[in-house]
Amino acid sequence: MAVFTDLSDDDREEIAVAYGIAPLTSVIGIADGDTETTYLFRSQRGEYIVTLFENGAEPLDLERTFRTMELLSAACVPCPKTFRTETGGATIRLSGKLVAVVGFVQGTQSACASPAQCFDLGRRLAQIHRTLMPGSPEKREGLPRGPIHGALFPDNVFFLGDSVSGIINFRLRHDDVLIAELANVLVRWTMLGNGTLDGERAEAILKGYCRVRQLQDKERQALAAFALAAAATFIAVSEDSVDLPIRAENAFLSAQSLSAAREIPFGAA
C-alpha cells in the first residue's frame, strides 16, 4: 500500500460508533490503492470496508457515489451496501481526512473471465446503463448518452461462480455515449496479445448486454470505431505498446465482425 494512515484504538472506535457497526472484533489493513487507505473492519454485525481518502475526495463526490450505489442496489445490481452515519451522512472526517464505510463484497476478481462470467458482466453493464439513464436520454451524433460506470475493469468486479457478486469504484461515474463504455469493456476484458478480441468471451458480453438493453442500429455501426479507440488508448498506456497500430486495427476488425454477427440480438434503429 503506497499510502497508509494508521488508526489508533480511539480512531477505530470513533468510526465504528459513527456508522453503528460497534463493537469491533478485528481490524485489518488492506494493501489496495495509492491515493487511499483501506481497512477491513469486522464486528458481530458483519464485515465492512473502511476507506480513508488521502486526497482528491470531496464530501459531495462521495455522496453522489453513495446515491449511485443505492440506486443500483435497489435495481438489483450487485454493489457494496452503503453505510451512513446517524445523521444520514456518507462520510465523516478523521484527522482531516474523509472516511466512508461500505459492506464487504464476497467473491474474487478474475483476470480472465469465463464466457459465462462475461455474459453476466454484459448483463450487469446494461443494467447500470438502463438504471442510471434519464427518461429521455440525450444523444450525441445519434448515439445515446448518459451516466456510465467509467472504470468497469477486472479489478473493480467480483464474481461468485459464473455470476457477478459485486461492482465497486463508482467514483469515476460520468456521462458519455453508452457504446463507448461497452467497447471499452470488450477491450479490457477480452483483448488478446495481438489485439484481437476473444470471440467467445466478447460475444458473451454482447449477448448479456443485449439481453437487458438492445443496441440501436447506430450504436451497432459505431461499435468497431469505439473498440479501435479503446484498444489504442489501453495499449498506449500499457507496459507493452509494441505494434500499437496493428493491434488496435485487429480490435477494430474483431468488433466489426461481432457487430455483424446474426447470433447477437441487436435492436433496431
C-alpha atoms as a PDB file:
ATOM      1  CA  MET A   1       0.000   0.000   0.000  1.00  0.00           C
ATOM      2  CA  ALA A   2       1.563   3.271  -1.121  1.00  0.00           C
ATOM      3  CA  VAL A   3      -0.394   5.421   1.320  1.00  0.00           C
ATOM      4  CA  PHE A   4      -1.282   4.184   4.783  1.00  0.00           C
ATOM      5  CA  THR A   5      -2.820   6.064   7.678  1.00  0.00           C
ATOM      6  CA  ASP A   6      -2.552   4.222  10.972  1.00  0.00           C
ATOM      7  CA  LEU A   7      -5.693   4.158  13.078  1.00  0.00           C
ATOM      8  CA  SER A   8      -5.471   4.306  16.845  1.00  0.00           C
ATOM      9  CA  ASP A   9      -7.906   2.380  19.004  1.00  0.00           C
ATOM     10  CA  ASP A  10      -9.802   5.628  19.579  1.00  0.00           C
ATOM     11  CA  ASP A  11      -9.970   6.266  15.809  1.00  0.00           C
ATOM     12  CA  ARG A  12     -11.367   2.801  15.188  1.00  0.00           C
ATOM     13  CA  GLU A  13     -13.947   3.211  17.910  1.00  0.00           C
ATOM     14  CA  GLU A  14     -14.986   6.625  16.599  1.00  0.00           C
ATOM     15  CA  ILE A  15     -15.603   5.197  13.125  1.00  0.00           C
ATOM     16  CA  ALA A  16     -17.454   2.146  14.431  1.00  0.00           C
ATOM     17  CA  VAL A  17     -19.740   4.222  16.646  1.00  0.00           C
ATOM     18  CA  ALA A  18     -20.406   6.831  13.948  1.00  0.00           C
ATOM     19  CA  TYR A  19     -21.598   4.170  11.499  1.00  0.00           C
ATOM     20  CA  GLY A  20     -23.360   1.931  14.006  1.00  0.00           C
ATOM     21  CA  ILE A  21     -21.119  -1.092  13.492  1.00  0.00           C
ATOM     22  CA  ALA A  22     -19.629  -1.374  17.008  1.00  0.00           C
ATOM     23  CA  PRO A  23     -18.335  -3.333  18.821  1.00  0.00           C
ATOM     24  CA  LEU A  24     -15.408  -4.364  16.621  1.00  0.00           C
ATOM     25  CA  THR A  25     -13.804  -7.795  16.801  1.00  0.00           C
ATOM     26  CA  SER A  26     -10.843  -7.144  14.473  1.00  0.00           C
ATOM     27  CA  VAL A  27      -9.311  -4.560  12.125  1.00  0.00           C
ATOM     28  CA  ILE A  28      -7.049  -5.493   9.203  1.00  0.00           C
ATOM     29  CA  GLY A  29      -5.200  -3.173   6.820  1.00  0.00           C
ATOM     30  CA  ILE A  30      -5.704  -3.928   3.111  1.00  0.00           C
ATOM     31  CA  ALA A  31      -2.915  -3.329   0.590  1.00  0.00           C
ATOM     32  CA  ASP A  32      -5.006  -1.645  -2.081  1.00  0.00           C
ATOM     33  CA  GLY A  33      -4.964   1.771  -3.746  1.00  0.00           C
ATOM     34  CA  ASP A  34      -2.359   4.512  -3.939  1.00  0.00           C
ATOM     35  CA  THR A  35      -4.473   7.538  -3.014  1.00  0.00           C
ATOM     36  CA  GLU A  36      -6.497   5.980  -0.221  1.00  0.00           C
ATOM     37  CA  THR A  37      -6.084   3.790   2.832  1.00  0.00           C
ATOM     38  CA  THR A  38      -8.361   0.787   3.237  1.00  0.00           C
ATOM     39  CA  TYR A  39      -9.211  -1.346   6.252  1.00  0.00           C
ATOM     40  CA  LEU A  40     -11.374  -4.387   6.803  1.00  0.00           C
ATOM     41  CA  PHE A  41     -13.413  -3.900   9.982  1.00  0.00           C
ATOM     42  CA  ARG A  42     -15.056  -6.969  11.492  1.00  0.00           C
ATOM     43  CA  SER A  43     -17.763  -6.928  14.123  1.00  0.00           C
ATOM     44  CA  GLN A  44     -20.522  -9.214  15.316  1.00  0.00           C
ATOM     45  CA  ARG A  45     -22.763  -7.388  12.841  1.00  0.00           C
ATOM     46  CA  GLY A  46     -20.688  -8.183   9.741  1.00  0.00           C
ATOM     47  CA  GLU A  47     -17.647  -7.169   7.693  1.00  0.00           C
ATOM     48  CA  TYR A  48     -17.032  -3.668   6.386  1.00  0.00           C
ATOM     49  CA  ILE A  49     -14.601  -1.861   4.116  1.00  0.00           C
ATOM     50  CA  VAL A  50     -13.453   1.416   5.672  1.00  0.00           C
ATOM     51  CA  THR A  51     -11.701   3.859   3.354  1.00  0.00           C
ATOM     52  CA  LEU A  52      -9.710   6.933   4.338  1.00  0.00           C
ATOM     53  CA  PHE A  53      -9.279   9.248   1.362  1.00  0.00           C
ATOM     54  CA  GLU A  54      -5.801  10.744   1.419  1.00  0.00           C
ATOM     55  CA  ASN A  55      -6.500  13.435  -1.187  1.00  0.00           C
ATOM     56  CA  GLY A  56      -8.754  14.460  -4.040  1.00  0.00           C
ATOM     57  CA  ALA A  57     -12.073  13.471  -2.460  1.00  0.00           C
ATOM     58  CA  GLU A  58     -14.898  15.836  -1.580  1.00  0.00           C
ATOM     59  CA  PRO A  59     -17.999  15.080   0.520  1.00  0.00           C
ATOM     60  CA  LEU A  60     -20.340  15.836  -2.394  1.00  0.00           C
ATOM     61  CA  ASP A  61     -18.347  13.494  -4.647  1.00  0.00           C
ATOM     62  CA  LEU A  62     -18.716  10.628  -2.193  1.00  0.00           C
ATOM     63  CA  GLU A  63     -22.358  11.471  -1.533  1.00  0.00           C
ATOM     64  CA  ARG A  64     -23.050  11.109  -5.264  1.00  0.00           C
ATOM     65  CA  THR A  65     -21.148   7.815  -5.283  1.00  0.00           C
ATOM     66  CA  PHE A  66     -23.269   6.517  -2.403  1.00  0.00           C
ATOM     67  CA  ARG A  67     -26.502   7.594  -4.080  1.00  0.00           C
ATOM     68  CA  THR A  68     -25.415   5.843  -7.279  1.00  0.00           C
ATOM     69  CA  MET A  69     -24.749   2.580  -5.433  1.00  0.00           C
ATOM     70  CA  GLU A  70     -28.015   2.841  -3.515  1.00  0.00           C
ATOM     71  CA  LEU A  71     -29.975   3.409  -6.728  1.00  0.00           C
ATOM     72  CA  LEU A  72     -28.278   0.484  -8.441  1.00  0.00           C
ATOM     73  CA  SER A  73     -28.712  -1.814  -5.435  1.00  0.00           C
ATOM     74  CA  ALA A  74     -32.436  -1.065  -5.480  1.00  0.00           C
ATOM     75  CA  ALA A  75     -32.413  -2.213  -9.118  1.00  0.00           C
ATOM     76  CA  CYS A  76     -30.679  -5.482  -8.101  1.00  0.00           C
ATOM     77  CA  VAL A  77     -27.261  -4.521  -9.454  1.00  0.00           C
ATOM     78  CA  PRO A  78     -24.726  -6.076  -7.039  1.00  0.00           C
ATOM     79  CA  CYS A  79     -22.939  -3.186  -5.330  1.00  0.00           C
ATOM     80  CA  PRO A  80     -21.431  -2.789  -1.874  1.00  0.00           C
ATOM     81  CA  LYS A  81     -24.014  -1.954   0.775  1.00  0.00           C
ATOM     82  CA  THR A  82     -23.598   1.661   1.838  1.00  0.00           C
ATOM     83  CA  PHE A  83     -23.446   2.672   5.496  1.00  0.00           C
ATOM     84  CA  ARG A  84     -24.398   6.125   6.672  1.00  0.00           C
ATOM     85  CA  THR A  85     -23.988   7.970   9.944  1.00  0.00           C
ATOM     86  CA  GLU A  86     -26.879   8.561  12.342  1.00  0.00           C
ATOM     87  CA  THR A  87     -27.404  11.939  10.658  1.00  0.00           C
ATOM     88  CA  GLY A  88     -27.541  10.344   7.199  1.00  0.00           C
ATOM     89  CA  GLY A  89     -24.102  11.415   6.027  1.00  0.00           C
ATOM     90  CA  ALA A  90     -21.974   9.316   3.703  1.00  0.00           C
ATOM     91  CA  THR A  91     -18.719  10.499   5.278  1.00  0.00           C
ATOM     92  CA  ILE A  92     -17.092  11.725   8.456  1.00  0.00           C
ATOM     93  CA  ARG A  93     -13.743  13.447   8.944  1.00  0.00           C
ATOM     94  CA  LEU A  94     -10.948  11.886  10.929  1.00  0.00           C
ATOM     95  CA  SER A  95      -7.674  13.785  11.318  1.00  0.00           C
ATOM     96  CA  GLY A  96      -8.729  15.953   8.400  1.00  0.00           C
ATOM     97  CA  LYS A  97      -9.405  13.016   6.085  1.00  0.00           C
ATOM     98  CA  LEU A  98     -12.729  11.837   4.722  1.00  0.00           C
ATOM     99  CA  VAL A  99     -13.864   8.398   5.840  1.00  0.00           C
ATOM    100  CA  ALA A 100     -16.500   6.218   4.162  1.00  0.00           C
ATOM    101  CA  VAL A 101     -17.835   2.760   5.032  1.00  0.00           C
ATOM    102  CA  VAL A 102     -19.380   0.116   2.775  1.00  0.00           C
ATOM    103  CA  GLY A 103     -20.146  -3.560   3.173  1.00  0.00           C
ATOM    104  CA  PHE A 104     -17.567  -6.200   2.317  1.00  0.00           C
ATOM    105  CA  VAL A 105     -18.124  -7.767  -1.121  1.00  0.00           C
ATOM    106  CA  GLN A 106     -17.916 -11.544  -1.321  1.00  0.00           C
ATOM    107  CA  GLY A 107     -16.221 -13.089  -4.343  1.00  0.00           C
ATOM    108  CA  THR A 108     -12.991 -12.981  -6.302  1.00  0.00           C
ATOM    109  CA  GLN A 109     -11.627 -10.913  -9.156  1.00  0.00           C
ATOM    110  CA  SER A 110     -10.931 -12.578 -12.493  1.00  0.00           C
ATOM    111  CA  ALA A 111      -8.130 -11.563 -14.858  1.00  0.00           C
ATOM    112  CA  CYS A 112      -9.517 -13.939 -17.487  1.00  0.00           C
ATOM    113  CA  ALA A 113     -13.262 -14.238 -17.056  1.00  0.00           C
ATOM    114  CA  SER A 114     -15.064 -17.260 -18.472  1.00  0.00           C
ATOM    115  CA  PRO A 115     -17.713 -16.846 -21.193  1.00  0.00           C
ATOM    116  CA  ALA A 116     -20.424 -17.384 -18.573  1.00  0.00           C
ATOM    117  CA  GLN A 117     -18.916 -14.684 -16.367  1.00  0.00           C
ATOM    118  CA  CYS A 118     -18.628 -12.389 -19.389  1.00  0.00           C
ATOM    119  CA  PHE A 119     -22.313 -12.893 -20.155  1.00  0.00           C
ATOM    120  CA  ASP A 120     -23.287 -11.793 -16.662  1.00  0.00           C
ATOM    121  CA  LEU A 121     -20.831  -8.899 -16.843  1.00  0.00           C
ATOM    122  CA  GLY A 122     -22.507  -7.657 -20.024  1.00  0.00           C
ATOM    123  CA  ARG A 123     -25.913  -8.032 -18.415  1.00  0.00           C
ATOM    124  CA  ARG A 124     -24.843  -6.026 -15.370  1.00  0.00           C
ATOM    125  CA  LEU A 125     -23.322  -3.289 -17.525  1.00  0.00           C
ATOM    126  CA  ALA A 126     -26.619  -2.917 -19.372  1.00  0.00           C
ATOM    127  CA  GLN A 127     -28.466  -2.790 -16.042  1.00  0.00           C
ATOM    128  CA  ILE A 128     -26.217   0.061 -14.929  1.00  0.00           C
ATOM    129  CA  HIS A 129     -26.881   1.971 -18.144  1.00  0.00           C
ATOM    130  CA  ARG A 130     -30.648   1.430 -18.009  1.00  0.00           C
ATOM    131  CA  THR A 131     -30.967   2.244 -14.330  1.00  0.00           C
ATOM    132  CA  LEU A 132     -28.946   5.457 -14.450  1.00  0.00           C
ATOM    133  CA  MET A 133     -30.320   6.580 -17.817  1.00  0.00           C
ATOM    134  CA  PRO A 134     -32.650   9.595 -17.662  1.00  0.00           C
ATOM    135  CA  GLY A 135     -36.162   9.195 -19.036  1.00  0.00           C
ATOM    136  CA  SER A 136     -35.315  10.891 -22.333  1.00  0.00           C
ATOM    137  CA  PRO A 137     -31.657  10.107 -22.988  1.00  0.00           C
ATOM    138  CA  GLU A 138     -29.504  12.745 -24.580  1.00  0.00           C
ATOM    139  CA  LYS A 139     -27.883  11.809 -27.872  1.00  0.00           C
ATOM    140  CA  ARG A 140     -24.557  12.743 -29.387  1.00  0.00           C
ATOM    141  CA  GLU A 141     -24.384  12.265 -33.138  1.00  0.00           C
ATOM    142  CA  GLY A 142     -27.353   9.933 -32.838  1.00  0.00           C
ATOM    143  CA  LEU A 143     -25.786   7.799 -30.090  1.00  0.00           C
ATOM    144  CA  PRO A 144     -27.492   7.510 -26.671  1.00  0.00           C
ATOM    145  CA  ARG A 145     -25.515   9.301 -23.989  1.00  0.00           C
ATOM    146  CA  GLY A 146     -25.878   9.004 -20.234  1.00  0.00           C
ATOM    147  CA  PRO A 147     -24.208   8.047 -16.947  1.00  0.00           C
ATOM    148  CA  ILE A 148     -21.616   5.264 -17.151  1.00  0.00           C
ATOM    149  CA  HIS A 149     -19.529   3.438 -14.538  1.00  0.00           C
ATOM    150  CA  GLY A 150     -16.306   4.766 -16.024  1.00  0.00           C
ATOM    151  CA  ALA A 151     -13.952   2.014 -14.830  1.00  0.00           C
ATOM    152  CA  LEU A 152     -15.611  -1.376 -15.284  1.00  0.00           C
ATOM    153  CA  PHE A 153     -12.278  -3.188 -15.372  1.00  0.00           C
ATOM    154  CA  PRO A 154     -11.306  -6.582 -13.888  1.00  0.00           C
ATOM    155  CA  ASP A 155     -10.056  -5.050 -10.633  1.00  0.00           C
ATOM    156  CA  ASN A 156     -13.463  -3.465  -9.983  1.00  0.00           C
ATOM    157  CA  VAL A 157     -15.636  -6.561 -10.468  1.00  0.00           C
ATOM    158  CA  PHE A 158     -16.041  -9.611  -8.210  1.00  0.00           C
ATOM    159  CA  PHE A 159     -17.513 -12.997  -9.114  1.00  0.00           C
ATOM    160  CA  LEU A 160     -19.033 -15.910  -7.240  1.00  0.00           C
ATOM    161  CA  GLY A 161     -19.036 -18.782  -9.703  1.00  0.00           C
ATOM    162  CA  ASP A 162     -20.417 -17.529 -13.015  1.00  0.00           C
ATOM    163  CA  SER A 163     -22.221 -14.539 -11.512  1.00  0.00           C
ATOM    164  CA  VAL A 164     -21.093 -11.009 -10.759  1.00  0.00           C
ATOM    165  CA  SER A 165     -21.229 -10.664  -6.971  1.00  0.00           C
ATOM    166  CA  GLY A 166     -20.104  -7.068  -6.668  1.00  0.00           C
ATOM    167  CA  ILE A 167     -19.133  -3.992  -8.673  1.00  0.00           C
ATOM    168  CA  ILE A 168     -17.067  -1.334  -6.927  1.00  0.00           C
ATOM    169  CA  ASN A 169     -15.418   2.042  -7.528  1.00  0.00           C
ATOM    170  CA  PHE A 170     -18.254   4.229  -8.762  1.00  0.00           C
ATOM    171  CA  ARG A 171     -16.310   7.414  -8.056  1.00  0.00           C
ATOM    172  CA  LEU A 172     -15.401   7.698 -11.748  1.00  0.00           C
ATOM    173  CA  ARG A 173     -19.033   7.783 -12.858  1.00  0.00           C
ATOM    174  CA  HIS A 174     -19.563  10.369 -15.587  1.00  0.00           C
ATOM    175  CA  ASP A 175     -21.636  10.926 -18.710  1.00  0.00           C
ATOM    176  CA  ASP A 176     -20.576   9.544 -22.093  1.00  0.00           C
ATOM    177  CA  VAL A 177     -22.058   7.711 -25.052  1.00  0.00           C
ATOM    178  CA  LEU A 178     -23.045   4.272 -23.809  1.00  0.00           C
ATOM    179  CA  ILE A 179     -21.471   2.397 -26.707  1.00  0.00           C
ATOM    180  CA  ALA A 180     -18.082   3.836 -25.727  1.00  0.00           C
ATOM    181  CA  GLU A 181     -18.198   2.077 -22.364  1.00  0.00           C
ATOM    182  CA  LEU A 182     -19.406  -1.166 -23.926  1.00  0.00           C
ATOM    183  CA  ALA A 183     -16.491  -1.061 -26.384  1.00  0.00           C
ATOM    184  CA  ASN A 184     -14.089  -0.311 -23.553  1.00  0.00           C
ATOM    185  CA  VAL A 185     -15.374  -3.293 -21.582  1.00  0.00           C
ATOM    186  CA  LEU A 186     -14.960  -5.554 -24.614  1.00  0.00           C
ATOM    187  CA  VAL A 187     -11.347  -4.448 -24.996  1.00  0.00           C
ATOM    188  CA  ARG A 188     -10.371  -4.598 -21.342  1.00  0.00           C
ATOM    189  CA  TRP A 189     -11.952  -7.996 -20.719  1.00  0.00           C
ATOM    190  CA  THR A 190     -11.385  -9.899 -23.979  1.00  0.00           C
ATOM    191  CA  MET A 191      -8.463  -8.429 -25.952  1.00  0.00           C
ATOM    192  CA  LEU A 192      -5.676 -10.895 -26.694  1.00  0.00           C
ATOM    193  CA  GLY A 193      -1.989 -10.096 -27.052  1.00  0.00           C
ATOM    194  CA  ASN A 194      -2.241  -9.331 -30.761  1.00  0.00           C
ATOM    195  CA  GLY A 195      -5.211  -7.009 -30.285  1.00  0.00           C
ATOM    196  CA  THR A 196      -7.836  -9.466 -31.490  1.00  0.00           C
ATOM    197  CA  LEU A 197     -10.882  -9.781 -29.259  1.00  0.00           C
ATOM    198  CA  ASP A 198     -11.517 -13.286 -27.956  1.00  0.00           C
ATOM    199  CA  GLY A 199     -14.605 -14.175 -29.966  1.00  0.00           C
ATOM    200  CA  GLU A 200     -16.383 -16.389 -27.442  1.00  0.00           C
ATOM    201  CA  ARG A 201     -15.956 -14.051 -24.489  1.00  0.00           C
ATOM    202  CA  ALA A 202     -16.664 -10.871 -26.474  1.00  0.00           C
ATOM    203  CA  GLU A 203     -19.799 -12.409 -27.946  1.00  0.00           C
ATOM    204  CA  ALA A 204     -20.902 -13.414 -24.449  1.00  0.00           C
ATOM    205  CA  ILE A 205     -20.550  -9.827 -23.198  1.00  0.00           C
ATOM    206  CA  LEU A 206     -22.599  -8.513 -26.111  1.00  0.00           C
ATOM    207  CA  LYS A 207     -25.287 -11.161 -25.701  1.00  0.00           C
ATOM    208  CA  GLY A 208     -25.542 -10.423 -21.991  1.00  0.00           C
ATOM    209  CA  TYR A 209     -25.759  -6.700 -22.648  1.00  0.00           C
ATOM    210  CA  CYS A 210     -28.388  -7.060 -25.370  1.00  0.00           C
ATOM    211  CA  ARG A 211     -30.440  -9.348 -23.128  1.00  0.00           C
ATOM    212  CA  VAL A 212     -31.134  -6.274 -20.976  1.00  0.00           C
ATOM    213  CA  ARG A 213     -30.660  -3.346 -23.356  1.00  0.00           C
ATOM    214  CA  GLN A 214     -30.696  -3.844 -27.103  1.00  0.00           C
ATOM    215  CA  LEU A 215     -28.325  -1.701 -29.110  1.00  0.00           C
ATOM    216  CA  GLN A 216     -29.721   0.753 -31.592  1.00  0.00           C
ATOM    217  CA  ASP A 217     -28.582   0.379 -35.193  1.00  0.00           C
ATOM    218  CA  LYS A 218     -26.291   3.416 -34.990  1.00  0.00           C
ATOM    219  CA  GLU A 219     -24.672   2.004 -31.860  1.00  0.00           C
ATOM    220  CA  ARG A 220     -24.027  -1.297 -33.595  1.00  0.00           C
ATOM    221  CA  GLN A 221     -22.459   0.522 -36.540  1.00  0.00           C
ATOM    222  CA  ALA A 222     -20.258   2.604 -34.221  1.00  0.00           C
ATOM    223  CA  LEU A 223     -19.034  -0.300 -32.085  1.00  0.00           C
ATOM    224  CA  ALA A 224     -15.912  -1.065 -34.127  1.00  0.00           C
ATOM    225  CA  ALA A 225     -14.715   2.546 -34.166  1.00  0.00           C
ATOM    226  CA  PHE A 226     -15.073   2.831 -30.400  1.00  0.00           C
ATOM    227  CA  ALA A 227     -13.284  -0.506 -29.958  1.00  0.00           C
ATOM    228  CA  LEU A 228     -10.416   0.863 -32.046  1.00  0.00           C
ATOM    229  CA  ALA A 229     -10.186   3.946 -29.827  1.00  0.00           C
ATOM    230  CA  ALA A 230     -10.425   1.897 -26.627  1.00  0.00           C
ATOM    231  CA  ALA A 231      -7.747  -0.537 -27.776  1.00  0.00           C
ATOM    232  CA  ALA A 232      -5.363   2.217 -28.877  1.00  0.00           C
ATOM    233  CA  THR A 233      -5.765   4.012 -25.555  1.00  0.00           C
ATOM    234  CA  PHE A 234      -5.275   0.863 -23.489  1.00  0.00           C
ATOM    235  CA  ILE A 235      -2.233  -0.301 -25.458  1.00  0.00           C
ATOM    236  CA  ALA A 236      -0.649   3.162 -25.358  1.00  0.00           C
ATOM    237  CA  VAL A 237      -0.654   3.285 -21.551  1.00  0.00           C
ATOM    238  CA  SER A 238       0.298  -0.372 -21.048  1.00  0.00           C
ATOM    239  CA  GLU A 239       3.797  -1.682 -20.460  1.00  0.00           C
ATOM    240  CA  ASP A 240       3.790  -3.260 -23.923  1.00  0.00           C
ATOM    241  CA  SER A 241       2.864  -0.719 -26.603  1.00  0.00           C
ATOM    242  CA  VAL A 242       4.701  -2.505 -29.439  1.00  0.00           C
ATOM    243  CA  ASP A 243       2.767  -2.701 -32.729  1.00  0.00           C
ATOM    244  CA  LEU A 244       0.035  -0.416 -31.401  1.00  0.00           C
ATOM    245  CA  PRO A 245      -1.500   0.413 -34.828  1.00  0.00           C
ATOM    246  CA  ILE A 246      -1.673  -3.244 -35.872  1.00  0.00           C
ATOM    247  CA  ARG A 247      -3.114  -4.429 -32.571  1.00  0.00           C
ATOM    248  CA  ALA A 248      -5.680  -1.611 -32.466  1.00  0.00           C
ATOM    249  CA  GLU A 249      -6.717  -2.453 -36.026  1.00  0.00           C
ATOM    250  CA  ASN A 250      -7.167  -6.091 -35.015  1.00  0.00           C
ATOM    251  CA  ALA A 251      -9.507  -4.961 -32.237  1.00  0.00           C
ATOM    252  CA  PHE A 252     -11.413  -2.884 -34.797  1.00  0.00           C
ATOM    253  CA  LEU A 253     -11.774  -5.838 -37.169  1.00  0.00           C
ATOM    254  CA  SER A 254     -12.880  -8.152 -34.361  1.00  0.00           C
ATOM    255  CA  ALA A 255     -15.544  -5.707 -33.199  1.00  0.00           C
ATOM    256  CA  GLN A 256     -16.647  -5.148 -36.778  1.00  0.00           C
ATOM    257  CA  SER A 257     -17.170  -8.878 -37.164  1.00  0.00           C
ATOM    258  CA  LEU A 258     -19.091  -9.047 -33.895  1.00  0.00           C
ATOM    259  CA  SER A 259     -21.376  -6.184 -34.892  1.00  0.00           C
ATOM    260  CA  ALA A 260     -22.395  -8.172 -37.964  1.00  0.00           C
ATOM    261  CA  ALA A 261     -22.991 -11.441 -36.097  1.00  0.00           C
ATOM    262  CA  ARG A 262     -26.510 -12.779 -36.535  1.00  0.00           C
ATOM    263  CA  GLU A 263     -26.273 -14.676 -33.260  1.00  0.00           C
ATOM    264  CA  ILE A 264     -26.300 -11.437 -31.269  1.00  0.00           C
ATOM    265  CA  PRO A 265     -29.799  -9.936 -30.776  1.00  0.00           C
ATOM    266  CA  PHE A 266     -29.069  -6.335 -31.696  1.00  0.00           C
ATOM    267  CA  GLY A 267     -32.020  -3.975 -31.663  1.00  0.00           C
ATOM    268  CA  ALA A 268     -33.466  -1.778 -34.361  1.00  0.00           C
ATOM    269  CA  ALA A 269     -32.947   1.898 -35.066  1.00  0.00           C
END
